[in-house]
Structure formats: C-alpha cells, structure tokens
Protein backbone atom coordinates (compact mmCIF):
# COMPACT_ATOMS: atom_id res chain seq x y z
CA MET A 1 149.77 232.50 202.99
CA SER A 2 149.85 231.63 199.31
CA PRO A 3 152.84 232.87 197.36
CA ALA A 4 152.51 235.90 195.15
CA VAL A 5 150.93 235.28 191.75
CA GLU A 6 151.79 237.00 188.53
CA ARG A 7 149.33 239.61 187.34
CA ASP A 8 149.27 242.41 184.81
CA ASP A 9 149.18 246.13 185.57
CA ALA A 10 145.52 246.58 184.64
CA ASP A 11 142.98 247.54 187.29
CA PRO A 12 141.86 244.55 189.35
CA ASP A 13 138.46 243.06 188.60
CA ILE A 14 137.41 243.16 192.27
CA GLN A 15 138.40 245.57 195.04
CA LEU A 16 138.34 243.89 198.46
CA ILE A 17 137.43 246.13 201.42
CA LEU A 18 137.97 244.60 204.86
CA VAL A 19 135.82 246.17 207.58
CA ASP A 20 137.37 245.52 210.99
CA GLY A 21 137.45 247.70 214.12
CA SER A 22 139.28 245.25 216.38
CA ASN A 23 142.95 244.72 216.90
CA HIS A 24 143.12 241.03 216.02
CA THR A 25 146.34 239.26 216.89
CA GLY A 26 148.42 238.84 213.79
CA PHE A 27 146.21 241.13 211.72
CA ALA A 28 149.03 243.45 210.70
CA ASP A 29 151.16 240.54 209.48
CA VAL A 30 148.33 239.03 207.45
CA LEU A 31 147.35 242.40 205.97
CA SER A 32 150.98 243.08 205.04
CA ALA A 33 151.23 239.69 203.35
CA MET A 34 148.02 240.29 201.42
CA ASN A 35 149.17 243.69 200.22
CA THR A 36 152.41 242.25 198.91
CA THR A 37 150.44 239.92 196.65
CA SER A 38 147.72 242.27 195.47
CA SER A 39 146.84 245.94 195.36
CA THR A 40 143.14 245.07 195.60
CA LEU A 41 142.93 245.08 199.40
CA THR A 42 141.75 248.03 201.53
CA HIS A 43 141.47 247.90 205.33
CA CYS A 44 138.76 250.04 206.98
CA ARG A 45 138.03 250.14 210.72
CA THR A 46 134.45 251.42 210.41
CA LEU A 47 131.60 251.35 207.92
CA ASN A 48 132.04 255.11 207.46
CA GLU A 49 135.58 254.53 206.27
CA ALA A 50 134.30 251.80 203.96
CA ASN A 51 131.71 254.20 202.51
CA GLN A 52 134.50 256.71 201.80
CA ALA A 53 136.42 254.00 199.96
CA LEU A 54 133.32 253.16 197.94
CA ARG A 55 132.89 256.80 196.88
CA HIS A 56 136.51 257.01 195.77
CA ALA A 57 136.18 253.97 193.51
CA PRO A 58 132.79 254.20 191.80
CA ASP A 59 133.83 252.32 188.66
CA LYS A 60 135.29 249.28 190.40
CA ASN A 61 133.64 245.99 191.36
CA LEU A 62 133.71 246.20 195.17
CA LEU A 63 133.32 243.50 197.81
CA LEU A 64 132.87 244.45 201.48
CA ILE A 65 134.15 241.76 203.81
CA PRO A 66 133.27 241.92 207.51
CA VAL A 67 136.13 240.43 209.50
CA GLU A 68 135.05 237.55 211.70
CA HIS A 69 136.17 236.93 215.28
CA ASN A 70 139.34 235.34 213.93
CA ILE A 71 141.20 237.10 211.12
CA TYR A 72 142.64 233.82 209.89
CA THR A 73 139.13 232.36 209.61
CA THR A 74 138.19 235.31 207.43
CA PHE A 75 141.05 234.75 205.01
CA THR A 76 140.47 230.98 204.99
CA ARG A 77 136.90 231.70 203.92
CA LEU A 78 138.17 234.02 201.19
CA GLN A 79 140.48 231.31 199.93
CA THR A 80 137.67 228.73 199.68
CA GLN A 81 134.69 230.90 198.65
CA ASP A 82 133.77 231.94 195.13
CA LEU A 83 133.65 235.74 195.15
CA LEU A 84 130.99 236.01 192.44
CA THR A 85 128.37 233.67 193.87
CA GLY A 86 129.26 232.93 197.49
CA ALA A 87 129.40 229.20 196.75
CA GLY A 88 132.54 227.19 197.42
CA ASN A 89 135.34 227.65 194.89
CA ARG A 90 137.43 225.05 193.11
CA GLN A 91 139.83 224.71 196.04
CA HIS A 92 136.94 224.06 198.42
CA PHE A 93 135.49 221.50 196.01
CA TYR A 94 138.73 219.52 195.89
CA GLN A 95 139.10 219.58 199.67
CA SER A 96 135.46 218.69 200.31
CA LEU A 97 135.29 215.83 197.80
CA GLN A 98 138.56 214.34 199.00
CA HIS A 99 137.44 214.54 202.63
CA THR A 100 134.04 213.00 201.83
CA LEU A 101 135.61 210.09 199.92
CA ASN A 102 138.15 209.48 202.69
CA GLN A 103 135.42 209.38 205.34
CA LEU A 104 133.00 207.20 203.35
CA GLN A 105 131.84 204.16 205.33
CA ALA A 106 131.20 200.71 203.85
CA ASP A 107 127.41 201.20 203.89
CA GLU A 108 127.52 204.77 202.52
CA ALA A 109 127.68 206.29 199.05
CA VAL A 110 128.14 209.76 197.60
CA ALA A 111 126.95 211.11 194.26
CA LEU A 112 128.99 213.80 192.56
CA MET A 113 126.91 216.03 190.29
CA MET A 114 128.54 218.33 187.72
CA LEU A 115 126.28 220.91 186.11
CA ASP A 116 126.77 223.64 183.53
CA ILE A 117 124.74 225.92 181.24
CA ASP A 118 124.35 224.79 177.64
CA ASN A 119 125.78 227.32 175.18
CA PHE A 120 126.97 229.70 177.88
CA SER A 121 129.67 231.13 175.59
CA ALA A 122 127.02 232.00 173.00
CA PHE A 123 125.05 233.84 175.71
CA ASN A 124 128.18 235.80 176.68
CA ASN A 125 128.85 236.71 173.06
CA GLN A 126 125.31 237.95 172.60
CA PHE A 127 124.68 239.78 175.88
CA GLY A 128 128.17 240.48 177.25
CA HIS A 129 130.18 239.08 180.14
CA ASP A 130 128.53 241.29 182.78
CA ALA A 131 125.18 239.76 181.86
CA GLY A 132 126.88 236.36 181.96
CA ASP A 133 128.03 237.02 185.52
CA ARG A 134 124.49 237.99 186.52
CA LEU A 135 123.16 234.82 184.93
CA VAL A 136 125.66 232.70 186.86
CA ARG A 137 124.60 234.38 190.12
CA LEU A 138 120.93 233.70 189.35
CA LEU A 139 121.71 230.08 188.58
CA CYS A 140 123.63 229.73 191.84
CA GLU A 141 120.70 231.17 193.81
CA ARG A 142 118.44 228.49 192.36
CA LEU A 143 120.94 225.73 193.13
CA MET A 144 121.20 226.91 196.74
CA CYS A 145 117.45 226.35 197.10
CA CYS A 146 117.81 222.66 196.28
CA LYS A 147 117.29 220.43 199.32
CA GLY A 148 119.27 217.26 199.81
CA GLN A 149 122.57 218.50 198.36
CA THR A 150 125.67 219.68 200.16
CA ASP A 151 128.86 221.54 199.30
CA LEU A 152 127.65 223.57 196.34
CA CYS A 153 130.77 224.81 194.52
CA ARG A 154 131.52 226.84 191.42
CA ILE A 155 134.53 225.30 189.67
CA GLY A 156 134.43 227.16 186.34
CA ASN A 157 132.70 230.01 184.52
CA ASP A 158 129.28 228.34 184.54
CA GLU A 159 130.21 224.98 186.08
CA PHE A 160 128.89 223.91 189.47
CA THR A 161 129.23 220.77 191.56
CA LEU A 162 126.99 219.30 194.25
CA LEU A 163 127.40 216.31 196.54
CA ILE A 164 124.67 213.95 197.74
CA LYS A 165 125.49 211.57 200.56
CA ALA A 166 123.15 208.70 201.44
CA PRO A 167 123.07 205.07 202.56
CA LEU A 168 124.33 202.85 199.75
CA PRO A 169 120.94 201.22 198.91
CA GLU A 170 119.23 204.62 198.70
CA ILE A 171 121.80 206.69 196.80
CA ARG A 172 120.23 206.39 193.33
CA LYS A 173 116.73 207.19 194.56
CA GLN A 174 117.90 210.20 196.55
CA THR A 175 120.01 211.36 193.59
CA ARG A 176 117.01 211.21 191.26
CA ASP A 177 114.89 213.06 193.82
CA VAL A 178 117.47 215.86 193.87
CA ILE A 179 117.67 215.88 190.05
CA GLU A 180 113.88 216.21 189.74
CA GLN A 181 113.95 219.09 192.21
CA LEU A 182 116.86 220.72 190.35
CA ILE A 183 115.14 220.56 186.98
CA GLU A 184 112.00 222.09 188.48
CA LEU A 185 114.11 224.94 189.88
CA LEU A 186 115.89 225.46 186.56
CA LEU A 187 112.83 225.45 184.29
CA PRO A 188 111.67 229.09 184.66
CA ALA A 189 113.23 231.73 182.40
CA TYR A 190 116.02 233.97 183.73
CA GLN A 191 115.41 237.71 183.88
CA VAL A 192 118.73 239.26 182.87
CA GLU A 193 118.43 243.05 182.56
CA THR A 194 115.49 243.54 180.18
CA HIS A 195 115.82 240.09 178.64
CA GLU A 196 113.84 237.00 179.55
CA VAL A 197 116.14 234.11 178.67
CA HIS A 198 115.38 230.38 178.53
CA LEU A 199 118.56 228.35 178.94
CA HIS A 200 119.10 224.66 179.58
CA CYS A 201 121.57 222.92 181.86
CA SER A 202 123.27 219.55 181.52
CA ILE A 203 124.00 217.41 184.59
CA GLY A 204 126.45 214.53 184.86
CA ILE A 205 126.48 212.21 187.85
CA ALA A 206 129.03 209.70 189.13
CA ILE A 207 128.52 207.61 192.25
CA ALA A 208 131.17 206.42 194.71
CA PRO A 209 131.96 203.65 195.38
CA GLU A 210 129.86 202.29 192.48
CA GLN A 211 131.97 203.92 189.75
CA SER A 212 135.07 204.66 191.76
CA GLN A 213 136.16 205.89 195.15
CA GLU A 214 139.26 207.46 193.62
CA PHE A 215 139.15 211.25 193.45
CA ASP A 216 140.24 211.88 189.83
CA ALA A 217 138.34 208.90 188.42
CA LEU A 218 135.06 210.04 189.99
CA ILE A 219 135.45 213.55 188.55
CA ARG A 220 136.26 212.08 185.13
CA CYS A 221 133.19 209.83 185.22
CA ALA A 222 130.86 212.70 186.21
CA ASN A 223 132.26 214.92 183.46
CA THR A 224 131.90 212.14 180.86
CA ALA A 225 128.28 211.63 181.89
CA ARG A 226 127.68 215.39 181.59
CA LEU A 227 128.95 215.32 177.99
CA ARG A 228 126.47 212.54 177.20
CA ALA A 229 123.69 214.58 178.81
CA LYS A 230 124.52 217.46 176.45
CA GLN A 231 123.49 215.29 173.50
CA LEU A 232 119.94 215.23 174.86
CA ARG A 233 117.35 217.97 174.53
CA GLY A 234 116.31 220.51 177.16
CA HIS A 235 117.36 220.20 180.80
CA SER A 236 119.07 216.84 180.79
CA TYR A 237 121.04 214.53 183.06
CA ALA A 238 123.00 211.32 182.75
CA ILE A 239 124.33 208.94 185.40
CA TYR A 240 127.66 207.46 184.38
CA ASP A 241 127.25 204.10 182.66
CA PRO A 242 130.40 202.29 181.46
CA LEU A 243 128.37 200.55 178.74
CA ARG A 244 127.09 203.83 177.28
CA ASP A 245 129.74 206.41 178.12
CA LEU A 246 132.88 206.43 176.05
CA ASP A 247 135.86 205.69 178.23
CA GLU A 248 138.22 208.66 178.26
CA HIS A 249 141.30 206.58 177.48
CA ARG A 250 139.54 204.99 174.54
CA GLY A 251 138.56 208.45 173.34
CA ILE A 252 142.16 209.60 173.58
CA SER A 253 143.30 206.60 171.54
CA LEU A 254 140.62 207.11 168.87
CA GLU A 255 141.12 210.85 168.37
CA PRO A 256 144.50 210.74 166.58
CA GLU A 257 143.20 207.88 164.44
CA LEU A 258 140.24 209.92 163.20
CA TRP A 259 142.40 212.15 161.03
CA GLN A 260 144.25 209.10 159.70
CA ALA A 261 140.88 207.46 158.97
CA LEU A 262 139.93 210.43 156.81
CA GLN A 263 143.24 210.28 154.93
CA ARG A 264 143.10 206.50 154.53
CA LYS A 265 139.46 206.59 153.35
CA GLU A 266 138.21 204.31 156.13
CA PHE A 267 134.80 206.00 156.43
CA ARG A 268 131.78 204.45 154.73
CA LEU A 269 128.32 205.78 153.99
CA PHE A 270 125.27 203.66 154.73
CA TYR A 271 121.78 204.58 153.54
CA GLN A 272 118.49 204.07 155.38
CA PRO A 273 115.40 204.05 153.14
CA ARG A 274 112.61 206.58 153.48
CA VAL A 275 109.37 204.83 152.57
CA CYS A 276 106.07 206.21 151.25
CA LEU A 277 103.42 204.71 153.53
CA ASN A 278 100.76 204.75 150.81
CA THR A 279 102.74 202.84 148.18
CA ARG A 280 105.33 201.11 150.45
CA ARG A 281 107.99 202.15 147.91
CA ILE A 282 111.38 203.70 148.69
CA ILE A 283 111.28 207.38 147.76
CA GLY A 284 114.34 208.77 149.56
CA ALA A 285 117.18 208.00 151.96
CA GLU A 286 119.22 209.30 154.85
CA ALA A 287 123.01 209.08 154.58
CA LEU A 288 124.69 207.80 157.76
CA ILE A 289 128.44 207.53 158.34
CA ARG A 290 130.31 204.46 159.63
CA TRP A 291 134.00 203.92 160.38
CA GLU A 292 135.51 200.70 159.03
CA HIS A 293 138.58 200.44 161.23
CA PRO A 294 141.27 198.02 159.96
CA VAL A 295 141.78 196.52 163.45
CA ARG A 296 138.70 197.35 165.55
CA GLY A 297 136.20 196.54 162.81
CA MET A 298 133.07 198.61 162.12
CA ILE A 299 132.87 201.46 164.64
CA PRO A 300 129.37 202.96 165.09
CA PRO A 301 128.93 206.75 164.91
CA ASP A 302 128.05 207.02 168.61
CA ALA A 303 131.63 205.98 169.40
CA PHE A 304 133.45 208.56 167.26
CA ILE A 305 131.08 211.43 166.36
CA PRO A 306 131.26 212.96 169.90
CA ILE A 307 135.07 212.85 169.70
CA SER A 308 135.08 214.46 166.26
CA GLU A 309 132.65 217.13 167.49
CA LYS A 310 134.87 217.93 170.46
CA SER A 311 138.10 217.99 168.42
CA GLY A 312 136.63 219.91 165.47
CA LEU A 313 137.34 217.06 163.03
CA ILE A 314 133.60 216.88 162.35
CA VAL A 315 134.10 219.79 159.95
CA PRO A 316 136.39 218.02 157.41
CA ILE A 317 134.53 214.74 158.00
CA GLY A 318 131.27 216.53 157.22
CA TYR A 319 132.68 217.87 153.97
CA TRP A 320 133.79 214.35 153.02
CA VAL A 321 130.21 213.12 153.63
CA ILE A 322 128.76 215.80 151.33
CA GLU A 323 131.34 215.03 148.63
CA GLN A 324 130.66 211.26 148.83
CA VAL A 325 126.89 211.76 148.85
CA GLY A 326 127.28 213.88 145.71
CA ARG A 327 129.01 210.96 143.97
CA ASP A 328 126.48 208.39 145.21
CA MET A 329 123.51 210.55 144.24
CA LYS A 330 124.34 210.17 140.56
CA VAL A 331 124.10 206.39 140.92
CA LEU A 332 120.96 206.62 143.05
CA LYS A 333 119.27 208.90 140.55
CA GLN A 334 120.05 206.51 137.69
CA ALA A 335 118.62 203.68 139.83
CA GLY A 336 115.34 205.56 140.12
CA LEU A 337 115.42 207.19 143.55
CA PRO A 338 112.76 209.91 143.13
CA GLU A 339 113.38 212.21 146.09
CA GLN A 340 116.08 213.60 148.36
CA VAL A 341 119.02 212.12 150.17
CA GLY A 342 119.32 213.60 153.67
CA VAL A 343 122.73 214.65 155.04
CA ASN A 344 123.17 215.57 158.71
CA LEU A 345 124.75 218.91 159.60
CA SER A 346 125.85 219.39 163.20
CA PHE A 347 125.99 222.68 165.07
CA ARG A 348 129.78 222.38 165.20
CA GLN A 349 129.87 222.51 161.40
CA PHE A 350 127.90 225.76 161.43
CA GLN A 351 130.69 227.28 163.52
CA ASP A 352 132.93 227.03 160.47
CA GLY A 353 132.67 230.44 158.82
CA TYR A 354 133.36 228.88 155.41
CA LEU A 355 130.54 226.32 155.59
CA ALA A 356 128.28 227.79 152.90
CA SER A 357 131.11 228.70 150.50
CA THR A 358 132.79 225.29 150.90
CA ILE A 359 129.55 223.39 150.26
CA GLU A 360 128.90 225.58 147.21
CA ARG A 361 132.37 224.71 145.90
CA LEU A 362 131.72 220.98 146.43
CA ILE A 363 128.36 221.24 144.65
CA LEU A 364 129.96 222.87 141.62
CA GLN A 365 133.04 220.65 141.65
CA HIS A 366 131.07 217.39 141.72
CA ASP A 367 128.05 218.60 139.74
CA ILE A 368 125.68 217.72 142.59
CA ASP A 369 121.98 217.96 141.77
CA THR A 370 120.81 220.11 144.68
CA ARG A 371 117.18 219.21 143.97
CA GLN A 372 117.96 215.83 145.48
CA LEU A 373 120.08 217.16 148.34
CA GLU A 374 118.56 217.76 151.76
CA PHE A 375 120.41 218.92 154.85
CA GLU A 376 119.14 217.68 158.20
CA LEU A 377 119.71 219.83 161.27
CA THR A 378 118.32 219.84 164.77
CA GLU A 379 116.31 222.52 166.53
CA THR A 380 119.26 222.97 168.88
CA ALA A 381 121.46 224.08 165.98
CA LEU A 382 118.90 226.76 165.06
CA PHE A 383 118.83 228.36 168.48
CA ARG A 384 122.46 228.13 169.56
CA ASP A 385 123.74 230.72 167.12
CA GLU A 386 120.62 231.70 165.25
CA PRO A 387 121.81 234.61 163.04
CA HIS A 388 124.81 232.70 161.63
CA VAL A 389 122.82 229.49 161.12
CA VAL A 390 119.99 231.36 159.40
CA SER A 391 122.47 233.11 157.09
CA CYS A 392 124.06 229.78 156.10
CA MET A 393 120.66 228.21 155.48
CA HIS A 394 119.57 231.01 153.18
CA SER A 395 122.86 230.81 151.26
CA LEU A 396 122.51 227.06 150.77
CA GLY A 397 118.81 227.42 149.99
CA LYS A 398 119.64 229.72 147.08
CA LEU A 399 121.67 226.84 145.62
CA GLY A 400 118.53 224.69 145.56
CA ALA A 401 119.15 222.52 148.64
CA GLU A 402 116.29 221.88 151.04
CA PHE A 403 116.34 221.43 154.82
CA SER A 404 114.60 219.07 157.23
CA LEU A 405 114.29 219.65 160.96
CA ASP A 406 115.44 216.53 162.78
CA ASP A 407 114.07 215.31 166.15
CA PHE A 408 111.14 217.70 165.77
CA GLY A 409 109.00 218.09 168.87
CA THR A 410 111.86 217.82 171.36
CA GLY A 411 112.96 221.47 171.15
CA TYR A 412 111.43 224.92 170.98
CA SER A 413 110.90 225.85 167.35
CA SER A 414 108.57 228.78 166.81
CA PHE A 415 106.04 228.92 164.00
CA SER A 416 107.63 232.10 162.67
CA MET A 417 111.00 230.33 162.50
CA LEU A 418 109.48 227.46 160.51
CA GLN A 419 107.93 229.92 158.07
CA LYS A 420 110.98 232.16 157.65
CA LEU A 421 113.54 229.43 157.00
CA PRO A 422 113.83 227.14 153.95
CA ILE A 423 112.65 224.10 155.92
CA SER A 424 110.64 221.73 153.76
CA THR A 425 110.33 218.69 156.06
CA LEU A 426 109.66 217.98 159.73
CA LYS A 427 110.99 214.70 161.15
CA ILE A 428 108.98 213.30 164.08
CA ASP A 429 111.44 212.18 166.75
CA LYS A 430 111.61 208.43 167.33
CA SER A 431 110.97 208.90 171.06
CA PHE A 432 107.37 209.87 170.22
CA VAL A 433 106.98 207.03 167.71
CA GLN A 434 108.11 204.54 170.36
CA GLY A 435 105.30 205.82 172.59
CA ILE A 436 102.56 204.79 170.13
CA GLY A 437 100.22 202.37 171.91
CA GLN A 438 101.79 203.22 175.27
CA SER A 439 101.48 206.98 175.74
CA GLU A 440 98.45 209.07 174.84
CA ALA A 441 100.61 212.18 175.21
CA ASP A 442 103.10 210.94 172.60
CA GLU A 443 100.27 210.02 170.24
CA GLU A 444 98.74 213.48 170.62
CA ILE A 445 102.12 215.11 169.90
CA ILE A 446 102.43 213.05 166.70
CA ARG A 447 98.92 214.06 165.58
CA SER A 448 99.75 217.71 166.30
CA ILE A 449 103.02 217.62 164.33
CA ILE A 450 101.31 216.00 161.32
CA SER A 451 98.54 218.63 161.45
CA LEU A 452 101.10 221.44 161.80
CA ALA A 453 103.10 220.16 158.82
CA ARG A 454 99.96 219.97 156.69
CA ASN A 455 98.90 223.52 157.64
CA LEU A 456 102.38 224.88 156.89
CA LYS A 457 102.51 222.89 153.63
CA LYS A 458 105.56 220.91 154.72
CA LYS A 459 106.39 217.24 154.41
CA VAL A 460 106.62 215.05 157.47
CA ILE A 461 108.70 211.93 158.15
CA ALA A 462 108.35 209.63 161.17
CA GLU A 463 111.64 208.24 162.49
CA GLY A 464 112.27 204.98 164.31
CA VAL A 465 109.30 202.93 163.07
CA GLU A 466 109.79 199.39 164.38
CA THR A 467 106.38 197.72 164.75
CA PRO A 468 103.22 197.15 162.65
CA GLU A 469 101.21 199.01 165.32
CA GLN A 470 103.35 202.13 164.89
CA LEU A 471 103.02 201.88 161.11
CA GLU A 472 99.21 201.57 161.21
CA PHE A 473 98.85 204.52 163.60
CA LEU A 474 100.96 206.74 161.33
CA LYS A 475 99.03 205.71 158.22
CA ALA A 476 95.70 206.29 159.98
CA HIS A 477 96.76 209.85 160.80
CA HIS A 478 98.05 210.59 157.29
CA CYS A 479 101.78 210.59 157.89
CA LEU A 480 103.11 210.07 154.36
CA MET A 481 106.73 209.02 154.96
CA ALA A 482 108.64 206.98 157.53
CA GLN A 483 111.96 205.29 158.18
CA GLY A 484 113.09 202.76 160.74
CA TYR A 485 114.12 199.17 161.38
CA TYR A 486 110.63 197.93 160.45
CA PHE A 487 111.52 198.72 156.85
CA SER A 488 115.31 198.43 156.82
CA ARG A 489 118.41 199.13 158.85
CA PRO A 490 120.98 201.46 157.26
CA VAL A 491 122.73 199.46 154.53
CA PRO A 492 125.75 200.02 152.21
CA LEU A 493 125.12 201.65 148.85
CA GLU A 494 125.24 198.31 146.98
CA ALA A 495 122.54 196.77 149.18
CA PHE A 496 120.42 199.93 148.92
CA LEU A 497 120.63 199.78 145.11
CA GLN A 498 119.44 196.16 145.23
CA LEU A 499 116.38 197.27 147.23
CA LEU A 500 115.64 199.94 144.62
CA ALA A 501 116.06 197.49 141.74
CA THR A 502 113.69 194.88 143.18
CA PRO A 503 110.02 195.93 143.29
CA ALA A 504 109.12 192.78 145.23
CA ALA A 505 111.70 193.64 147.89
CA GLN A 506 110.25 197.12 148.22
CA GLN A 507 106.71 195.78 148.56
CA ALA A 508 107.97 193.55 151.37
CA LEU A 509 109.28 196.50 153.34
C-alpha cells in the first residue's frame, strides 16, 4: 500500500463506503492499512448497513464502492480511477502511456491528445466549485461517447487525455476523425443547474514516433500544441509542429530576457497603415510591437507574446506600448494622420486590477490626445471576465478613448453587447478576407458584417488584404477602410512618416 500522506484535520471531501459481505483473504489487513492513512473509509457488509452510514452523514460527499471478487483488484482500481468522473486518474495515465509507448511496433503510431476547458477558472469563480465539478462530469460523459479513443484519463481539474493507436500511415487521418467527432460532441451547451453554458475546449496533439517516442517529450509536445490551440477561437485543436510551436527550452531561455529587454529598451513599435478605400490615403494605423534582440536579431511577436502572456510580463510591456504610442502620436498628428492609432489590449492585461487607473495616469503624464487613441480587443476578452472588462472599458471610454473589436466574426458577440459598450469599430478577421473569391460563405459573412456595422453606425475595417481581387470586393460592398500587405507591411515610425509625407506614395498603396 501507499505510505500515509499528510492531511489536515478538516472533514474529508469524499467518504468512501466499501460494501462487501464476503470474507476475502487479506481483507482485514488491507482495511487496517487504509484506515491508518485516512479516516474516510467505512466498511459495510450489506447495503442496509451502507444505507445507515449514508443517513448518518448527510452532508458529506459519499462514494459507495462494491468490492469485486478480489479485494486487491478493488483497491488497485481505486488507485487508478478518478473518483469524480470514473475516468482513469493521473497515475493510470502515466502507466498507460508508458506501456503503450514501450509496446509500440515499427509500423504503429499513437496520438496523445490533451484537452481542457477554456477559462475554467472563470467559470468556477462565477458559478462555484460544485458547479465546476458537475461541468467536469458532463464533459467526461461526452468524451466517453467518442469512438476511436482509448484510455480516457483526467489528469487535472479540467484536463483530460486520450490515446489513439493506429497503423503509422493512418494515424493522422484517424486522429482528425476523432477530433471532428470530439468537436461535434462538445458543441452543445452544458446544462449546469439552471444555467445553460457555452464553453470551448482546446486540444493539443502529439504523435509518437513522429514527434518523439520518449514519455516526457511527447507530453511536452502535446501540451505545447494545446497552448497554441488556445490562441484560436471556439473549439480548437493543434497538432504539434516544430516549425510553429515554440520549443519549451527556447521559451525558458527567452523568458528571463523579456524583463531585461524592457529595461534595456529593446522593444520597437512598428505601424501598419489603415487605408481609406475611396481615396487610397492613409487615415490611421495599428501599432505592433517587435523585439530587437542584440544577439538574435528582430524577434517577431508570435515568438515572445505567448511567453509574456503566460508569465504576466505582458502587463508592464503593454503599459510601455501605450506610453510609446502616446509619444509617437504627437509626431503622427503633426505629420497629418487624421484618425486613430490602434493599440492591442490582451485579456491578460484586463486581469490587472489597476489597468484603467494606470492608463489614465499615462494619458495625463504624457498628454496623450485620447481622440486619436483606440484600444483593440478581441471578442474572447469580452466574454472571459465580462463584468470587469466592461467596467474597464467604460472607465477608459470616459477619458475619450475608443475601442475596436478585433477578429470580428470569429466569436460570439451579441448585438446588445455591441450597443452597450463604447465600441466604435468592427475589424473583419483576415480569415474571411482570405476567403474572397474562394468561399461564398466567407463572402456572405463579410457582407453581413459590413451591413451590421452600417446599421449600428459603426466603422468597419477589413484586415489582411493582400490581393486586388480582395480589394475590389471590399470596395464593391462599401467597406471603407482596410489594412494588409497589399498596402504595406508594418514599418518603423520613420518609414511610416515618409509614407504620410509623400502623396504619390500613398496613391500607390
């Protein structure tokens, strides 16, 4: 048996009631050992005795356990089964994955899938941990209905793993088949008490032996892919790709340098023009951060923003961006930029309770003209912690700043939300723009967003314009503003000022 573990004197979370009427060999020894490690175990020989125990402990979480033909089998199952959901627990996951990898033949492959609920902690904070437990059970029930997977395990609060074993040439197809089935199972809302809740899940996948056949490395790859999936909208998945996923060791080496980069002033702001499609003139810009590393060269935001989000450094970095934009805006205004400069705010920044007051201090300290300041946020940020985000937006709106909703069309914004909040601009996500000429559905979504913006008296900007065909479609459907590589990549302030100062250059955009 496992050695005794430390515990406090509070009542146990779960009371175990063993129901066994047989005299199994060794039962007394096992029961004695269990009782020395925990006061949560009760032995009953009949169901009547178990019912008496239930009546004497009405306020406890109780679990009735029928003893199997072998008492040791029963306790082995208890050691490897998650008590909340009935799925395998973390110990079972480790044993099962290690066994599967050890037994893998040369022509076989196994996909490890790691899945969790997006914003589960926010759900717990809003509805309570009992509701969170019920949600986890409901999720597990759906996962158990998925065909083609084996060894479903719960390894954390809301974290589950699944294994898919297949012949090596078929592993990716079978994995995608399981993913499609999973997403279909996860789409319906959850009924938790009186609440109907829509929640998304993120799935990360690593394949052995393609990524690694080493136990820890495969888990690390699947978890890294899951973090990339979380950057997508809705139910999302990602299969580990060494070219797209940040290597963990590289992330570890970059994280301590991020704070030094802020102190050494290694960050740079680039500006991407927003263009009026009627006049082809630059009327605004979006500020985008870059890291000019003294050894590694220019590091793109995709390589360090996820690390800064995870570590919390995005908060001071975000304040630096606002402060620098405030300085640059004075120069941009003198150069004739007529409209706003957009600054991205991440959800992680909204978790800082001093966000609104700190931005207000920066505005006053640097005399920032808030009429030219626009904060860009995603639909995800609105719905993760809605009351706090809404409060911050109203506070910043009173200072004169406006808001745009980035990646619009990929989330679940309600019309009432758009009307209640100080959102002046909708940004059509580039994924829809890329579908122009290829997808009638994407084109219809773009037409609908433009019509919605017009009816709500809001501006609309199309992101990611790269071709003349995309430009002509947007103009034909009265989209007034756009940005993308067709006009200009993000450029340093000096190059942006040259574009503003040269009418011929603007006409050529």
